[in-house]
Protein backbone atom coordinates (compact mmCIF):
# COMPACT_ATOMS: atom_id res chain seq x y z
CA UNK A 1 -93.67 45.39 -10.45
CA UNK A 2 -90.10 46.65 -10.91
CA UNK A 3 -87.33 44.13 -11.53
CA UNK A 4 -83.68 45.15 -11.45
CA UNK A 5 -80.84 42.83 -12.35
CA UNK A 6 -77.42 43.97 -11.18
CA UNK A 7 -74.61 41.95 -12.72
CA UNK A 8 -70.85 42.16 -12.69
CA UNK A 9 -68.93 41.88 -15.94
CA UNK A 10 -69.45 43.00 -19.50
CA UNK A 11 -71.60 40.90 -21.77
CA UNK A 12 -69.56 40.11 -24.89
CA UNK A 13 -71.22 37.16 -26.60
CA UNK A 14 -73.69 38.17 -29.30
CA UNK A 15 -75.96 35.15 -28.78
CA UNK A 16 -76.36 36.03 -25.08
CA UNK A 17 -77.10 39.66 -25.92
CA UNK A 18 -79.80 38.56 -28.38
CA UNK A 19 -81.38 36.23 -25.81
CA UNK A 20 -81.35 38.91 -23.13
CA UNK A 21 -82.90 41.42 -25.55
CA UNK A 22 -85.64 38.90 -26.39
CA UNK A 23 -86.55 38.19 -22.77
CA UNK A 24 -86.31 41.89 -21.87
CA UNK A 25 -88.86 42.58 -24.61
CA UNK A 26 -91.13 39.76 -23.40
CA UNK A 27 -90.88 40.92 -19.78
CA UNK A 28 -91.93 44.47 -20.69
CA UNK A 29 -95.54 43.18 -20.74
CA UNK A 30 -95.29 42.23 -17.05
CA UNK A 31 -92.82 44.55 -15.33
CA UNK A 32 -90.44 47.46 -15.62
CA UNK A 33 -87.02 45.86 -16.13
CA UNK A 34 -83.74 47.59 -15.37
CA UNK A 35 -80.50 45.81 -16.28
CA UNK A 36 -77.40 47.24 -14.58
CA UNK A 37 -74.03 46.00 -15.79
CA UNK A 38 -71.02 46.80 -13.60
CA UNK A 39 -67.36 46.55 -14.57
CA UNK A 40 -65.59 43.60 -13.04
CA UNK A 41 -62.25 43.99 -11.31
CA UNK A 42 -59.13 42.70 -13.02
CA UNK A 43 -58.43 39.27 -11.66
CA UNK A 44 -55.41 37.26 -12.77
CA UNK A 45 -55.56 33.46 -12.53
CA UNK A 46 -53.16 33.13 -9.58
CA UNK A 47 -54.76 35.46 -7.02
CA UNK A 48 -54.12 34.75 -3.37
CA UNK A 49 -57.17 34.20 -1.14
CA UNK A 50 -56.57 37.68 0.34
CA UNK A 51 -56.51 39.26 -3.13
CA UNK A 52 -59.71 37.38 -4.05
CA UNK A 53 -61.44 38.95 -1.04
CA UNK A 54 -60.21 42.39 -2.09
CA UNK A 55 -61.62 41.89 -5.61
CA UNK A 56 -64.99 40.66 -4.26
CA UNK A 57 -65.14 43.57 -1.81
CA UNK A 58 -64.48 46.13 -4.57
CA UNK A 59 -67.15 44.60 -6.78
CA UNK A 60 -69.45 44.35 -3.75
CA UNK A 61 -69.19 48.07 -3.04
CA UNK A 62 -70.19 48.82 -6.66
CA UNK A 63 -73.18 46.47 -6.32
CA UNK A 64 -74.31 47.93 -2.99
CA UNK A 65 -74.14 51.42 -4.50
CA UNK A 66 -76.77 50.41 -7.08
CA UNK A 67 -79.33 48.81 -4.75
CA UNK A 68 -82.37 50.98 -4.02
CA UNK A 69 -83.30 51.19 -0.33
CA UNK A 70 -86.85 49.94 -0.82
CA UNK A 71 -85.86 46.93 -2.93
CA UNK A 72 -86.18 43.29 -1.93
CA UNK A 73 -82.77 41.81 -2.77
CA UNK A 74 -82.29 38.29 -4.11
CA UNK A 75 -78.64 37.26 -4.46
CA UNK A 76 -77.76 34.40 -6.76
CA UNK A 77 -75.48 32.15 -4.73
CA UNK A 78 -74.52 28.48 -5.03
CA UNK A 79 -75.38 27.94 -1.36
CA UNK A 80 -78.80 29.58 -1.76
CA UNK A 81 -82.17 27.86 -1.83
CA UNK A 82 -83.07 25.80 -4.90
CA UNK A 83 -86.56 26.54 -6.22
CA UNK A 84 -88.65 25.07 -9.00
CA UNK A 85 -90.04 27.50 -11.57
CA UNK A 86 -93.42 27.28 -9.83
CA UNK A 87 -91.83 28.06 -6.46
CA UNK A 88 -90.01 31.08 -7.91
CA UNK A 89 -93.31 32.28 -9.37
CA UNK A 90 -94.96 31.84 -5.98
CA UNK A 91 -92.13 33.74 -4.26
CA UNK A 92 -92.49 36.68 -6.67
CA UNK A 93 -96.27 36.64 -6.28
CA UNK A 94 -96.06 36.64 -2.46
CA UNK A 95 -93.57 39.51 -2.52
CA UNK A 96 -95.98 41.55 -4.65
CA UNK A 97 -98.90 40.78 -2.31
CA UNK A 98 -96.78 41.89 0.67
CA UNK A 99 -96.10 45.21 -1.06
CA UNK A 100 -92.59 44.51 -2.34
CA UNK A 101 -93.01 46.14 -5.72
CA UNK A 102 -89.27 46.27 -6.42
CA UNK A 103 -87.12 43.14 -6.60
CA UNK A 104 -83.39 43.32 -7.26
CA UNK A 105 -81.54 40.21 -8.41
CA UNK A 106 -77.76 40.23 -8.02
CA UNK A 107 -75.33 38.20 -10.12
CA UNK A 108 -71.72 38.42 -8.95
CA UNK A 109 -68.54 38.26 -10.94
CA UNK A 110 -66.32 35.25 -11.55
CA UNK A 111 -65.30 35.07 -7.88
CA UNK A 112 -68.84 35.35 -6.54
CA UNK A 113 -70.35 37.88 -4.14
CA UNK A 114 -68.77 39.61 -1.17
CA UNK A 115 -69.95 38.83 2.35
CA UNK A 116 -71.31 42.38 2.57
CA UNK A 117 -73.57 41.85 -0.46
CA UNK A 118 -74.70 38.46 0.82
CA UNK A 119 -75.53 40.07 4.18
CA UNK A 120 -77.61 42.75 2.43
CA UNK A 121 -79.59 40.12 0.52
CA UNK A 122 -83.08 39.34 1.77
CA UNK A 123 -82.95 35.95 0.04
CA UNK A 124 -80.26 33.74 -1.50
CA UNK A 125 -81.30 31.82 -4.59
CA UNK A 126 -79.40 28.98 -6.24
CA UNK A 127 -80.15 27.75 -9.72
CA UNK A 128 -77.92 24.70 -9.30
CA UNK A 129 -74.93 23.34 -7.44
CA UNK A 130 -73.15 23.65 -10.77
CA UNK A 131 -71.19 26.76 -11.64
CA UNK A 132 -72.41 28.74 -14.65
CA UNK A 133 -70.66 31.64 -16.40
CA UNK A 134 -72.12 34.80 -14.87
CA UNK A 135 -72.94 36.14 -18.35
CA UNK A 136 -75.05 33.05 -19.09
CA UNK A 137 -76.79 33.38 -15.71
CA UNK A 138 -78.30 36.69 -16.85
CA UNK A 139 -80.12 34.94 -19.67
CA UNK A 140 -81.18 32.01 -17.50
CA UNK A 141 -82.46 34.37 -14.79
CA UNK A 142 -84.47 36.50 -17.22
CA UNK A 143 -86.03 33.39 -18.76
CA UNK A 144 -87.07 32.14 -15.32
CA UNK A 145 -88.47 35.51 -14.26
CA UNK A 146 -90.45 35.61 -17.52
CA UNK A 147 -91.68 32.06 -16.86
CA UNK A 148 -92.69 33.10 -13.32
CA UNK A 149 -94.85 35.94 -14.65
CA UNK A 150 -96.45 33.56 -17.17
CA UNK A 151 -97.22 31.08 -14.39
CA UNK A 152 -98.61 33.81 -12.13
CA UNK A 153 -100.88 35.03 -14.93
CA UNK A 154 -102.13 31.50 -15.70
CA UNK A 155 -100.64 31.72 -19.18
CA UNK A 156 -99.19 28.72 -20.98
CA UNK A 157 -95.51 28.01 -20.60
CA UNK A 158 -93.24 25.15 -21.61
CA UNK A 159 -93.03 22.45 -18.93
């Protein structure tokens, strides 16, 4: 299985980098992992709604340019479907059985994802109704993907 994570914004915090490195190493036993980090657009605090759309569209075009044609795309979105860890594991397992050997997860920038990216997504996944920093979401996502592989391989995991 190939897992790609496309995320907008540079990772700056050392503790997040260390966590992502750890889960990347752990995941190497189960899949080929590709982490793609895209530059975010400059976005002052007082953007108009029109300017926010322009920023999301620019970031969206960068994201779309990195998605492989044969990939099953899962966009992280607040209005997506909430899954338990077991349900995420089941979703990944079913995708593999159906021949989807490449899954791409997308994490947008601080303004979220463009409509074009959300339209391209095969599935919208929400981790919570809460808003998390997009840098932290990378770590949370990798931990949950790792947990999903452990569940699917009947290996122990923390409940």
